[in-house]
Amino acid sequence: MSKLEINGLYFWKQNYWLPCGLNIKEKLWWRFMPGVVINVRWPKGWVVLHESLDGSKVSAESADPNDHYRPWMEQHVGRQGWDWNWGMANMDATENRLTIKIRQKYAKYATIAAIQWS
């Protein structure tokens, strides 16, 4: 096993490091699924965790991409791991960026997401 496989990364054209774990399904998806790759900032801030029937909201501070980006992506694009996927692929530790790959048929949402989250 190479050093890049242990780190869960592989080199791709145009000097991009794309995320992928040791799971063969993820490696094949990132490598061969045609799509658009965008790079957005790592999320941080408050998210609404639960809204009760009386209208009160329970919120918490979170830096998890699933809390910030996943609801919008699943509503507009589709299933994670099938229509889109994300991962941290930055080799420079000073800048936290998130790489998201969206299938080609949902490319218009890649533009919207890049503008919305950059």
PDB file of N, CA and C in Angstrom:
ATOM      1  N   MET A   1       0.843  -1.167   0.000  1.00  0.00           N
ATOM      2  CA  MET A   1       0.000   0.000   0.000  1.00  0.00           C
ATOM      3  C   MET A   1       0.895   1.240   0.000  1.00  0.00           C
ATOM      4  N   SER A   2       0.611   2.185  -0.861  1.00  0.00           N
ATOM      5  CA  SER A   2       1.439   3.382  -0.962  1.00  0.00           C
ATOM      6  C   SER A   2       1.088   4.379   0.130  1.00  0.00           C
ATOM      7  N   LYS A   3       1.951   5.361   0.304  1.00  0.00           N
ATOM      8  CA  LYS A   3       1.733   6.391   1.306  1.00  0.00           C
ATOM      9  C   LYS A   3       0.457   7.177   1.018  1.00  0.00           C
ATOM     10  N   LEU A   4       0.171   7.434  -0.260  1.00  0.00           N
ATOM     11  CA  LEU A   4      -1.030   8.178  -0.616  1.00  0.00           C
ATOM     12  C   LEU A   4      -2.293   7.397  -0.287  1.00  0.00           C
ATOM     13  N   GLU A   5      -2.272   6.086  -0.433  1.00  0.00           N
ATOM     14  CA  GLU A   5      -3.436   5.282  -0.073  1.00  0.00           C
ATOM     15  C   GLU A   5      -3.645   5.269   1.429  1.00  0.00           C
ATOM     16  N   ILE A   6      -2.571   5.244   2.200  1.00  0.00           N
ATOM     17  CA  ILE A   6      -2.695   5.264   3.653  1.00  0.00           C
ATOM     18  C   ILE A   6      -3.302   6.573   4.115  1.00  0.00           C
ATOM     19  N   ASN A   7      -2.883   7.678   3.524  1.00  0.00           N
ATOM     20  CA  ASN A   7      -3.443   8.981   3.878  1.00  0.00           C
ATOM     21  C   ASN A   7      -4.853   9.166   3.336  1.00  0.00           C
ATOM     22  N   GLY A   8      -5.291   8.278   2.454  1.00  0.00           N
ATOM     23  CA  GLY A   8      -6.640   8.379   1.898  1.00  0.00           C
ATOM     24  C   GLY A   8      -6.748   9.388   0.780  1.00  0.00           C
ATOM     25  N   LEU A   9      -5.644   9.686   0.098  1.00  0.00           N
ATOM     26  CA  LEU A   9      -5.662  10.682  -0.962  1.00  0.00           C
ATOM     27  C   LEU A   9      -5.031  10.109  -2.217  1.00  0.00           C
ATOM     28  N   TYR A  10      -5.397  10.633  -3.362  1.00  0.00           N
ATOM     29  CA  TYR A  10      -4.684  10.300  -4.584  1.00  0.00           C
ATOM     30  C   TYR A  10      -4.581  11.554  -5.428  1.00  0.00           C
ATOM     31  N   PHE A  11      -3.588  11.609  -6.275  1.00  0.00           N
ATOM     32  CA  PHE A  11      -3.328  12.783  -7.084  1.00  0.00           C
ATOM     33  C   PHE A  11      -4.197  12.758  -8.322  1.00  0.00           C
ATOM     34  N   TRP A  12      -4.723  13.893  -8.670  1.00  0.00           N
ATOM     35  CA  TRP A  12      -5.608  14.015  -9.820  1.00  0.00           C
ATOM     36  C   TRP A  12      -5.091  15.135 -10.699  1.00  0.00           C
ATOM     37  N   LYS A  13      -5.567  15.255 -11.897  1.00  0.00           N
ATOM     38  CA  LYS A  13      -5.080  16.277 -12.803  1.00  0.00           C
ATOM     39  C   LYS A  13      -5.297  17.689 -12.251  1.00  0.00           C
ATOM     40  N   GLN A  14      -4.539  18.626 -12.738  1.00  0.00           N
ATOM     41  CA  GLN A  14      -4.579  20.037 -12.377  1.00  0.00           C
ATOM     42  C   GLN A  14      -4.203  20.285 -10.920  1.00  0.00           C
ATOM     43  N   ASN A  15      -3.338  19.468 -10.381  1.00  0.00           N
ATOM     44  CA  ASN A  15      -2.806  19.664  -9.035  1.00  0.00           C
ATOM     45  C   ASN A  15      -3.855  19.597  -7.931  1.00  0.00           C
ATOM     46  N   TYR A  16      -4.900  18.842  -8.103  1.00  0.00           N
ATOM     47  CA  TYR A  16      -5.923  18.673  -7.076  1.00  0.00           C
ATOM     48  C   TYR A  16      -5.644  17.409  -6.281  1.00  0.00           C
ATOM     49  N   TRP A  17      -5.861  17.466  -4.991  1.00  0.00           N
ATOM     50  CA  TRP A  17      -5.871  16.270  -4.151  1.00  0.00           C
ATOM     51  C   TRP A  17      -7.325  15.985  -3.850  1.00  0.00           C
ATOM     52  N   LEU A  18      -7.802  14.844  -4.268  1.00  0.00           N
ATOM     53  CA  LEU A  18      -9.190  14.495  -4.034  1.00  0.00           C
ATOM     54  C   LEU A  18      -9.296  13.528  -2.869  1.00  0.00           C
ATOM     55  N   PRO A  19     -10.300  13.690  -2.028  1.00  0.00           N
ATOM     56  CA  PRO A  19     -10.438  12.807  -0.886  1.00  0.00           C
ATOM     57  C   PRO A  19     -10.990  11.452  -1.279  1.00  0.00           C
ATOM     58  N   CYS A  20     -10.560  10.460  -0.579  1.00  0.00           N
ATOM     59  CA  CYS A  20     -11.173   9.153  -0.691  1.00  0.00           C
ATOM     60  C   CYS A  20     -10.530   8.262   0.348  1.00  0.00           C
ATOM     61  N   GLY A  21     -11.327   7.496   1.020  1.00  0.00           N
ATOM     62  CA  GLY A  21     -10.818   6.623   2.054  1.00  0.00           C
ATOM     63  C   GLY A  21     -10.262   5.343   1.468  1.00  0.00           C
ATOM     64  N   LEU A  22     -10.085   4.374   2.299  1.00  0.00           N
ATOM     65  CA  LEU A  22      -9.576   3.095   1.839  1.00  0.00           C
ATOM     66  C   LEU A  22     -10.667   2.224   1.231  1.00  0.00           C
ATOM     67  N   ASN A  23     -11.909   2.686   1.251  1.00  0.00           N
ATOM     68  CA  ASN A  23     -13.033   1.993   0.676  1.00  0.00           C
ATOM     69  C   ASN A  23     -12.926   2.035  -0.856  1.00  0.00           C
ATOM     70  N   ILE A  24     -12.966   0.891  -1.503  1.00  0.00           N
ATOM     71  CA  ILE A  24     -12.805   0.818  -2.959  1.00  0.00           C
ATOM     72  C   ILE A  24     -13.961   1.508  -3.684  1.00  0.00           C
ATOM     73  N   LYS A  25     -15.155   1.470  -3.112  1.00  0.00           N
ATOM     74  CA  LYS A  25     -16.310   2.129  -3.731  1.00  0.00           C
ATOM     75  C   LYS A  25     -16.087   3.638  -3.814  1.00  0.00           C
ATOM     76  N   GLU A  26     -15.572   4.238  -2.727  1.00  0.00           N
ATOM     77  CA  GLU A  26     -15.300   5.674  -2.729  1.00  0.00           C
ATOM     78  C   GLU A  26     -14.197   6.024  -3.715  1.00  0.00           C
ATOM     79  N   LYS A  27     -13.155   5.210  -3.788  1.00  0.00           N
ATOM     80  CA  LYS A  27     -12.065   5.468  -4.727  1.00  0.00           C
ATOM     81  C   LYS A  27     -12.578   5.463  -6.164  1.00  0.00           C
ATOM     82  N   LEU A  28     -13.392   4.481  -6.500  1.00  0.00           N
ATOM     83  CA  LEU A  28     -13.933   4.399  -7.854  1.00  0.00           C
ATOM     84  C   LEU A  28     -14.873   5.558  -8.150  1.00  0.00           C
ATOM     85  N   TRP A  29     -15.676   5.966  -7.163  1.00  0.00           N
ATOM     86  CA  TRP A  29     -16.606   7.074  -7.369  1.00  0.00           C
ATOM     87  C   TRP A  29     -15.843   8.357  -7.659  1.00  0.00           C
ATOM     88  N   TRP A  30     -14.835   8.680  -6.827  1.00  0.00           N
ATOM     89  CA  TRP A  30     -14.068   9.912  -7.036  1.00  0.00           C
ATOM     90  C   TRP A  30     -13.273   9.873  -8.335  1.00  0.00           C
ATOM     91  N   ARG A  31     -12.821   8.713  -8.724  1.00  0.00           N
ATOM     92  CA  ARG A  31     -11.948   8.608  -9.892  1.00  0.00           C
ATOM     93  C   ARG A  31     -12.720   8.604 -11.207  1.00  0.00           C
ATOM     94  N   PHE A  32     -13.839   7.876 -11.278  1.00  0.00           N
ATOM     95  CA  PHE A  32     -14.485   7.646 -12.570  1.00  0.00           C
ATOM     96  C   PHE A  32     -15.855   8.295 -12.754  1.00  0.00           C
ATOM     97  N   MET A  33     -16.513   8.769 -11.723  1.00  0.00           N
ATOM     98  CA  MET A  33     -17.820   9.391 -11.883  1.00  0.00           C
ATOM     99  C   MET A  33     -17.647  10.769 -12.526  1.00  0.00           C
ATOM    100  N   PRO A  34     -18.247  10.988 -13.687  1.00  0.00           N
ATOM    101  CA  PRO A  34     -18.123  12.314 -14.300  1.00  0.00           C
ATOM    102  C   PRO A  34     -18.885  13.336 -13.472  1.00  0.00           C
ATOM    103  N   GLY A  35     -18.247  14.470 -13.270  1.00  0.00           N
ATOM    104  CA  GLY A  35     -18.897  15.487 -12.472  1.00  0.00           C
ATOM    105  C   GLY A  35     -18.075  16.750 -12.349  1.00  0.00           C
ATOM    106  N   VAL A  36     -18.591  17.642 -11.528  1.00  0.00           N
ATOM    107  CA  VAL A  36     -17.971  18.941 -11.299  1.00  0.00           C
ATOM    108  C   VAL A  36     -17.421  18.957  -9.881  1.00  0.00           C
ATOM    109  N   VAL A  37     -16.177  19.412  -9.729  1.00  0.00           N
ATOM    110  CA  VAL A  37     -15.548  19.497  -8.418  1.00  0.00           C
ATOM    111  C   VAL A  37     -15.485  20.960  -8.014  1.00  0.00           C
ATOM    112  N   ILE A  38     -16.009  21.261  -6.823  1.00  0.00           N
ATOM    113  CA  ILE A  38     -15.926  22.615  -6.287  1.00  0.00           C
ATOM    114  C   ILE A  38     -15.184  22.572  -4.963  1.00  0.00           C
ATOM    115  N   ASN A  39     -14.629  23.696  -4.587  1.00  0.00           N
ATOM    116  CA  ASN A  39     -13.889  23.813  -3.351  1.00  0.00           C
ATOM    117  C   ASN A  39     -14.506  24.962  -2.562  1.00  0.00           C
ATOM    118  N   VAL A  40     -15.068  24.675  -1.393  1.00  0.00           N
ATOM    119  CA  VAL A  40     -15.746  25.682  -0.578  1.00  0.00           C
ATOM    120  C   VAL A  40     -15.081  25.770   0.789  1.00  0.00           C
ATOM    121  N   ARG A  41     -15.422  26.815   1.537  1.00  0.00           N
ATOM    122  CA  ARG A  41     -14.830  26.982   2.865  1.00  0.00           C
ATOM    123  C   ARG A  41     -15.404  25.959   3.832  1.00  0.00           C
ATOM    124  N   TRP A  42     -14.605  25.641   4.843  1.00  0.00           N
ATOM    125  CA  TRP A  42     -15.069  24.719   5.881  1.00  0.00           C
ATOM    126  C   TRP A  42     -16.134  25.449   6.693  1.00  0.00           C
ATOM    127  N   PRO A  43     -17.282  24.829   6.961  1.00  0.00           N
ATOM    128  CA  PRO A  43     -18.374  25.543   7.621  1.00  0.00           C
ATOM    129  C   PRO A  43     -18.121  25.757   9.108  1.00  0.00           C
ATOM    130  N   LYS A  44     -18.678  26.828   9.618  1.00  0.00           N
ATOM    131  CA  LYS A  44     -18.702  27.063  11.058  1.00  0.00           C
ATOM    132  C   LYS A  44     -19.840  28.017  11.343  1.00  0.00           C
ATOM    133  N   GLY A  45     -20.384  27.917  12.538  1.00  0.00           N
ATOM    134  CA  GLY A  45     -21.487  28.784  12.916  1.00  0.00           C
ATOM    135  C   GLY A  45     -22.616  28.000  13.559  1.00  0.00           C
ATOM    136  N   TRP A  46     -23.723  28.673  13.726  1.00  0.00           N
ATOM    137  CA  TRP A  46     -24.884  28.089  14.404  1.00  0.00           C
ATOM    138  C   TRP A  46     -25.792  27.402  13.407  1.00  0.00           C
ATOM    139  N   VAL A  47     -26.344  26.268  13.825  1.00  0.00           N
ATOM    140  CA  VAL A  47     -27.327  25.540  13.016  1.00  0.00           C
ATOM    141  C   VAL A  47     -28.524  25.195  13.891  1.00  0.00           C
ATOM    142  N   VAL A  48     -29.686  25.112  13.271  1.00  0.00           N
ATOM    143  CA  VAL A  48     -30.905  24.722  13.990  1.00  0.00           C
ATOM    144  C   VAL A  48     -30.964  23.202  14.013  1.00  0.00           C
ATOM    145  N   LEU A  49     -30.945  22.642  15.212  1.00  0.00           N
ATOM    146  CA  LEU A  49     -30.989  21.190  15.362  1.00  0.00           C
ATOM    147  C   LEU A  49     -32.404  20.649  15.378  1.00  0.00           C
ATOM    148  N   HIS A  50     -33.314  21.405  15.978  1.00  0.00           N
ATOM    149  CA  HIS A  50     -34.676  20.913  16.128  1.00  0.00           C
ATOM    150  C   HIS A  50     -35.617  22.102  16.274  1.00  0.00           C
ATOM    151  N   GLU A  51     -36.773  21.999  15.652  1.00  0.00           N
ATOM    152  CA  GLU A  51     -37.808  23.012  15.805  1.00  0.00           C
ATOM    153  C   GLU A  51     -39.056  22.322  16.346  1.00  0.00           C
ATOM    154  N   SER A  52     -39.511  22.773  17.493  1.00  0.00           N
ATOM    155  CA  SER A  52     -40.661  22.129  18.128  1.00  0.00           C
ATOM    156  C   SER A  52     -41.973  22.650  17.546  1.00  0.00           C
ATOM    157  N   LEU A  53     -43.064  22.047  17.963  1.00  0.00           N
ATOM    158  CA  LEU A  53     -44.382  22.408  17.434  1.00  0.00           C
ATOM    159  C   LEU A  53     -44.799  23.814  17.833  1.00  0.00           C
ATOM    160  N   ASP A  54     -44.342  24.295  18.982  1.00  0.00           N
ATOM    161  CA  ASP A  54     -44.723  25.638  19.416  1.00  0.00           C
ATOM    162  C   ASP A  54     -43.861  26.728  18.777  1.00  0.00           C
ATOM    163  N   GLY A  55     -42.934  26.371  17.903  1.00  0.00           N
ATOM    164  CA  GLY A  55     -42.139  27.349  17.168  1.00  0.00           C
ATOM    165  C   GLY A  55     -40.782  27.637  17.766  1.00  0.00           C
ATOM    166  N   SER A  56     -40.484  27.093  18.927  1.00  0.00           N
ATOM    167  CA  SER A  56     -39.168  27.333  19.516  1.00  0.00           C
ATOM    168  C   SER A  56     -38.124  26.460  18.828  1.00  0.00           C
ATOM    169  N   LYS A  57     -36.921  26.999  18.724  1.00  0.00           N
ATOM    170  CA  LYS A  57     -35.859  26.306  18.007  1.00  0.00           C
ATOM    171  C   LYS A  57     -34.710  25.981  18.948  1.00  0.00           C
ATOM    172  N   VAL A  58     -34.152  24.804  18.769  1.00  0.00           N
ATOM    173  CA  VAL A  58     -32.969  24.394  19.506  1.00  0.00           C
ATOM    174  C   VAL A  58     -31.801  24.477  18.529  1.00  0.00           C
ATOM    175  N   SER A  59     -30.810  25.298  18.863  1.00  0.00           N
ATOM    176  CA  SER A  59     -29.670  25.459  17.966  1.00  0.00           C
ATOM    177  C   SER A  59     -28.369  25.258  18.726  1.00  0.00           C
ATOM    178  N   ALA A  60     -27.316  24.985  17.980  1.00  0.00           N
ATOM    179  CA  ALA A  60     -26.000  24.767  18.566  1.00  0.00           C
ATOM    180  C   ALA A  60     -24.946  25.215  17.566  1.00  0.00           C
ATOM    181  N   GLU A  61     -23.761  25.503  18.075  1.00  0.00           N
ATOM    182  CA  GLU A  61     -22.656  25.872  17.207  1.00  0.00           C
ATOM    183  C   GLU A  61     -22.006  24.599  16.674  1.00  0.00           C
ATOM    184  N   SER A  62     -21.757  24.569  15.381  1.00  0.00           N
ATOM    185  CA  SER A  62     -21.237  23.355  14.766  1.00  0.00           C
ATOM    186  C   SER A  62     -20.264  23.696  13.645  1.00  0.00           C
ATOM    187  N   ALA A  63     -19.301  22.819  13.443  1.00  0.00           N
ATOM    188  CA  ALA A  63     -18.365  22.944  12.320  1.00  0.00           C
ATOM    189  C   ALA A  63     -18.412  21.693  11.455  1.00  0.00           C
ATOM    190  N   ASP A  64     -19.508  20.960  11.526  1.00  0.00           N
ATOM    191  CA  ASP A  64     -19.663  19.732  10.753  1.00  0.00           C
ATOM    192  C   ASP A  64     -20.331  20.044   9.412  1.00  0.00           C
ATOM    193  N   PRO A  65     -19.713  19.642   8.287  1.00  0.00           N
ATOM    194  CA  PRO A  65     -20.344  19.890   6.986  1.00  0.00           C
ATOM    195  C   PRO A  65     -21.710  19.231   6.838  1.00  0.00           C
ATOM    196  N   ASN A  66     -21.936  18.118   7.538  1.00  0.00           N
ATOM    197  CA  ASN A  66     -23.254  17.480   7.469  1.00  0.00           C
ATOM    198  C   ASN A  66     -24.336  18.366   8.053  1.00  0.00           C
ATOM    199  N   ASP A  67     -24.027  19.148   9.054  1.00  0.00           N
ATOM    200  CA  ASP A  67     -25.022  20.051   9.640  1.00  0.00           C
ATOM    201  C   ASP A  67     -25.306  21.251   8.749  1.00  0.00           C
ATOM    202  N   HIS A  68     -24.304  21.750   8.068  1.00  0.00           N
ATOM    203  CA  HIS A  68     -24.446  22.980   7.292  1.00  0.00           C
ATOM    204  C   HIS A  68     -24.835  22.735   5.835  1.00  0.00           C
ATOM    205  N   TYR A  69     -24.149  21.818   5.166  1.00  0.00           N
ATOM    206  CA  TYR A  69     -24.299  21.670   3.719  1.00  0.00           C
ATOM    207  C   TYR A  69     -25.190  20.516   3.291  1.00  0.00           C
ATOM    208  N   ARG A  70     -25.250  19.460   4.074  1.00  0.00           N
ATOM    209  CA  ARG A  70     -25.972  18.253   3.649  1.00  0.00           C
ATOM    210  C   ARG A  70     -27.471  18.466   3.435  1.00  0.00           C
ATOM    211  N   PRO A  71     -28.189  19.192   4.314  1.00  0.00           N
ATOM    212  CA  PRO A  71     -29.632  19.366   4.051  1.00  0.00           C
ATOM    213  C   PRO A  71     -29.915  20.026   2.700  1.00  0.00           C
ATOM    214  N   TRP A  72     -29.163  21.063   2.350  1.00  0.00           N
ATOM    215  CA  TRP A  72     -29.379  21.729   1.071  1.00  0.00           C
ATOM    216  C   TRP A  72     -29.024  20.804  -0.093  1.00  0.00           C
ATOM    217  N   MET A  73     -27.904  20.090   0.036  1.00  0.00           N
ATOM    218  CA  MET A  73     -27.464  19.192  -1.033  1.00  0.00           C
ATOM    219  C   MET A  73     -28.463  18.052  -1.259  1.00  0.00           C
ATOM    220  N   GLU A  74     -28.983  17.483  -0.182  1.00  0.00           N
ATOM    221  CA  GLU A  74     -29.945  16.386  -0.352  1.00  0.00           C
ATOM    222  C   GLU A  74     -31.274  16.882  -0.894  1.00  0.00           C
ATOM    223  N   GLN A  75     -31.653  18.101  -0.570  1.00  0.00           N
ATOM    224  CA  GLN A  75     -32.900  18.639  -1.086  1.00  0.00           C
ATOM    225  C   GLN A  75     -32.799  18.958  -2.577  1.00  0.00           C
ATOM    226  N   HIS A  76     -31.681  19.506  -3.028  1.00  0.00           N
ATOM    227  CA  HIS A  76     -31.562  19.960  -4.414  1.00  0.00           C
ATOM    228  C   HIS A  76     -30.849  18.980  -5.332  1.00  0.00           C
ATOM    229  N   VAL A  77     -29.844  18.280  -4.836  1.00  0.00           N
ATOM    230  CA  VAL A  77     -29.032  17.419  -5.704  1.00  0.00           C
ATOM    231  C   VAL A  77     -29.438  15.958  -5.586  1.00  0.00           C
ATOM    232  N   GLY A  78     -29.469  15.426  -4.386  1.00  0.00           N
ATOM    233  CA  GLY A  78     -29.819  14.018  -4.225  1.00  0.00           C
ATOM    234  C   GLY A  78     -29.031  13.378  -3.105  1.00  0.00           C
ATOM    235  N   ARG A  79     -28.829  12.066  -3.220  1.00  0.00           N
ATOM    236  CA  ARG A  79     -28.186  11.289  -2.157  1.00  0.00           C
ATOM    237  C   ARG A  79     -26.687  11.511  -2.096  1.00  0.00           C
ATOM    238  N   GLN A  80     -26.171  11.601  -0.867  1.00  0.00           N
ATOM    239  CA  GLN A  80     -24.732  11.672  -0.683  1.00  0.00           C
ATOM    240  C   GLN A  80     -24.135  10.305  -0.996  1.00  0.00           C
ATOM    241  N   GLY A  81     -23.008  10.301  -1.686  1.00  0.00           N
ATOM    242  CA  GLY A  81     -22.361   9.059  -2.079  1.00  0.00           C
ATOM    243  C   GLY A  81     -22.834   8.533  -3.419  1.00  0.00           C
ATOM    244  N   TRP A  82     -23.937   9.052  -3.919  1.00  0.00           N
ATOM    245  CA  TRP A  82     -24.444   8.638  -5.228  1.00  0.00           C
ATOM    246  C   TRP A  82     -24.486   9.828  -6.188  1.00  0.00           C
ATOM    247  N   ASP A  83     -25.143  10.891  -5.808  1.00  0.00           N
ATOM    248  CA  ASP A  83     -25.235  12.076  -6.648  1.00  0.00           C
ATOM    249  C   ASP A  83     -24.164  13.106  -6.314  1.00  0.00           C
ATOM    250  N   TRP A  84     -23.651  13.077  -5.110  1.00  0.00           N
ATOM    251  CA  TRP A  84     -22.606  14.005  -4.677  1.00  0.00           C
ATOM    252  C   TRP A  84     -21.850  13.399  -3.501  1.00  0.00           C
ATOM    253  N   ASN A  85     -20.670  13.922  -3.253  1.00  0.00           N
ATOM    254  CA  ASN A  85     -19.886  13.494  -2.102  1.00  0.00           C
ATOM    255  C   ASN A  85     -18.935  14.609  -1.722  1.00  0.00           C
ATOM    256  N   TRP A  86     -18.493  14.631  -0.491  1.00  0.00           N
ATOM    257  CA  TRP A  86     -17.584  15.664  -0.032  1.00  0.00           C
ATOM    258  C   TRP A  86     -16.475  15.032   0.797  1.00  0.00           C
ATOM    259  N   GLY A  87     -15.404  15.789   0.956  1.00  0.00           N
ATOM    260  CA  GLY A  87     -14.287  15.357   1.778  1.00  0.00           C
ATOM    261  C   GLY A  87     -13.276  16.475   1.921  1.00  0.00           C
ATOM    262  N   MET A  88     -12.456  16.391   2.944  1.00  0.00           N
ATOM    263  CA  MET A  88     -11.413  17.386   3.149  1.00  0.00           C
ATOM    264  C   MET A  88     -10.203  16.951   2.349  1.00  0.00           C
ATOM    265  N   ALA A  89      -9.773  17.783   1.425  1.00  0.00           N
ATOM    266  CA  ALA A  89      -8.701  17.380   0.527  1.00  0.00           C
ATOM    267  C   ALA A  89      -7.592  18.403   0.466  1.00  0.00           C
ATOM    268  N   ASN A  90      -7.446  19.211   1.471  1.00  0.00           N
ATOM    269  CA  ASN A  90      -6.428  20.242   1.447  1.00  0.00           C
ATOM    270  C   ASN A  90      -5.141  19.724   2.066  1.00  0.00           C
ATOM    271  N   MET A  91      -4.055  19.831   1.356  1.00  0.00           N
ATOM    272  CA  MET A  91      -2.771  19.389   1.889  1.00  0.00           C
ATOM    273  C   MET A  91      -2.136  20.458   2.765  1.00  0.00           C
ATOM    274  N   ASP A  92      -2.560  21.701   2.666  1.00  0.00           N
ATOM    275  CA  ASP A  92      -2.023  22.793   3.459  1.00  0.00           C
ATOM    276  C   ASP A  92      -2.880  22.946   4.710  1.00  0.00           C
ATOM    277  N   ALA A  93      -2.279  22.807   5.875  1.00  0.00           N
ATOM    278  CA  ALA A  93      -3.044  22.821   7.130  1.00  0.00           C
ATOM    279  C   ALA A  93      -3.478  24.222   7.544  1.00  0.00           C
ATOM    280  N   THR A  94      -3.002  25.258   6.883  1.00  0.00           N
ATOM    281  CA  THR A  94      -3.359  26.614   7.284  1.00  0.00           C
ATOM    282  C   THR A  94      -4.727  27.037   6.773  1.00  0.00           C
ATOM    283  N   GLU A  95      -5.246  26.357   5.786  1.00  0.00           N
ATOM    284  CA  GLU A  95      -6.518  26.750   5.186  1.00  0.00           C
ATOM    285  C   GLU A  95      -7.456  25.551   5.134  1.00  0.00           C
ATOM    286  N   ASN A  96      -8.558  25.623   5.833  1.00  0.00           N
ATOM    287  CA  ASN A  96      -9.517  24.519   5.845  1.00  0.00           C
ATOM    288  C   ASN A  96     -10.516  24.709   4.712  1.00  0.00           C
ATOM    289  N   ARG A  97     -10.436  23.847   3.723  1.00  0.00           N
ATOM    290  CA  ARG A  97     -11.338  23.877   2.595  1.00  0.00           C
ATOM    291  C   ARG A  97     -11.987  22.510   2.446  1.00  0.00           C
ATOM    292  N   LEU A  98     -13.135  22.500   1.836  1.00  0.00           N
ATOM    293  CA  LEU A  98     -13.905  21.279   1.638  1.00  0.00           C
ATOM    294  C   LEU A  98     -14.086  21.068   0.136  1.00  0.00           C
ATOM    295  N   THR A  99     -13.798  19.872  -0.339  1.00  0.00           N
ATOM    296  CA  THR A  99     -13.980  19.542  -1.747  1.00  0.00           C
ATOM    297  C   THR A  99     -15.286  18.783  -1.908  1.00  0.00           C
ATOM    298  N   ILE A 100     -16.121  19.250  -2.826  1.00  0.00           N
ATOM    299  CA  ILE A 100     -17.402  18.604  -3.109  1.00  0.00           C
ATOM    300  C   ILE A 100     -17.432  18.260  -4.592  1.00  0.00           C
ATOM    301  N   LYS A 101     -17.775  17.003  -4.890  1.00  0.00           N
ATOM    302  CA  LYS A 101     -17.936  16.583  -6.287  1.00  0.00           C
ATOM    303  C   LYS A 101     -19.404  16.273  -6.515  1.00  0.00           C
ATOM    304  N   ILE A 102     -19.953  16.874  -7.562  1.00  0.00           N
ATOM    305  CA  ILE A 102     -21.370  16.716  -7.909  1.00  0.00           C
ATOM    306  C   ILE A 102     -21.445  16.077  -9.294  1.00  0.00           C
ATOM    307  N   ARG A 103     -22.326  15.104  -9.433  1.00  0.00           N
ATOM    308  CA  ARG A 103     -22.482  14.423 -10.724  1.00  0.00           C
ATOM    309  C   ARG A 103     -22.785  15.415 -11.830  1.00  0.00           C
ATOM    310  N   GLN A 104     -22.433  15.044 -13.040  1.00  0.00           N
ATOM    311  CA  GLN A 104     -22.534  15.935 -14.185  1.00  0.00           C
ATOM    312  C   GLN A 104     -23.961  16.417 -14.441  1.00  0.00           C
ATOM    313  N   LYS A 105     -24.945  15.569 -14.213  1.00  0.00           N
ATOM    314  CA  LYS A 105     -26.328  15.982 -14.513  1.00  0.00           C
ATOM    315  C   LYS A 105     -26.848  17.033 -13.535  1.00  0.00           C
ATOM    316  N   TYR A 106     -26.159  17.261 -12.404  1.00  0.00           N
ATOM    317  CA  TYR A 106     -26.533  18.293 -11.441  1.00  0.00           C
ATOM    318  C   TYR A 106     -25.511  19.421 -11.421  1.00  0.00           C
ATOM    319  N   ALA A 107     -24.839  19.658 -12.528  1.00  0.00           N
ATOM    320  CA  ALA A 107     -23.760  20.651 -12.588  1.00  0.00           C
ATOM    321  C   ALA A 107     -24.255  22.066 -12.289  1.00  0.00           C
ATOM    322  N   LYS A 108     -25.507  22.362 -12.601  1.00  0.00           N
ATOM    323  CA  LYS A 108     -26.014  23.712 -12.329  1.00  0.00           C
ATOM    324  C   LYS A 108     -26.034  23.987 -10.827  1.00  0.00           C
ATOM    325  N   TYR A 109     -26.237  22.961 -10.003  1.00  0.00           N
ATOM    326  CA  TYR A 109     -26.222  23.149  -8.560  1.00  0.00           C
ATOM    327  C   TYR A 109     -24.804  23.328  -8.024  1.00  0.00           C
ATOM    328  N   ALA A 110     -23.813  22.857  -8.764  1.00  0.00           N
ATOM    329  CA  ALA A 110     -22.420  23.077  -8.361  1.00  0.00           C
ATOM    330  C   ALA A 110     -22.083  24.567  -8.414  1.00  0.00           C
ATOM    331  N   THR A 111     -22.564  25.241  -9.418  1.00  0.00           N
ATOM    332  CA  THR A 111     -22.338  26.673  -9.520  1.00  0.00           C
ATOM    333  C   THR A 111     -23.032  27.426  -8.392  1.00  0.00           C
ATOM    334  N   ILE A 112     -24.271  27.056  -8.106  1.00  0.00           N
ATOM    335  CA  ILE A 112     -25.013  27.694  -7.020  1.00  0.00           C
ATOM    336  C   ILE A 112     -24.327  27.463  -5.682  1.00  0.00           C
ATOM    337  N   ALA A 113     -23.894  26.231  -5.410  1.00  0.00           N
ATOM    338  CA  ALA A 113     -23.239  25.909  -4.150  1.00  0.00           C
ATOM    339  C   ALA A 113     -21.905  26.638  -4.014  1.00  0.00           C
ATOM    340  N   ALA A 114     -21.159  26.724  -5.095  1.00  0.00           N
ATOM    341  CA  ALA A 114     -19.862  27.420  -5.048  1.00  0.00           C
ATOM    342  C   ALA A 114     -20.045  28.899  -4.732  1.00  0.00           C
ATOM    343  N   ILE A 115     -21.038  29.522  -5.318  1.00  0.00           N
ATOM    344  CA  ILE A 115     -21.301  30.930  -5.037  1.00  0.00           C
ATOM    345  C   ILE A 115     -21.835  31.116  -3.618  1.00  0.00           C
ATOM    346  N   GLN A 116     -22.712  30.245  -3.203  1.00  0.00           N
ATOM    347  CA  GLN A 116     -23.364  30.352  -1.904  1.00  0.00           C
ATOM    348  C   GLN A 116     -22.392  30.121  -0.736  1.00  0.00           C
ATOM    349  N   TRP A 117     -21.455  29.206  -0.875  1.00  0.00           N
ATOM    350  CA  TRP A 117     -20.615  28.799   0.257  1.00  0.00           C
ATOM    351  C   TRP A 117     -19.174  29.264   0.165  1.00  0.00           C
ATOM    352  N   SER A 118     -18.794  30.025  -0.850  1.00  0.00           N
ATOM    353  CA  SER A 118     -17.405  30.456  -0.957  1.00  0.00           C
ATOM    354  C   SER A 118     -17.098  31.639  -0.077  1.00  0.00           C
TER     355      SER A 118
END
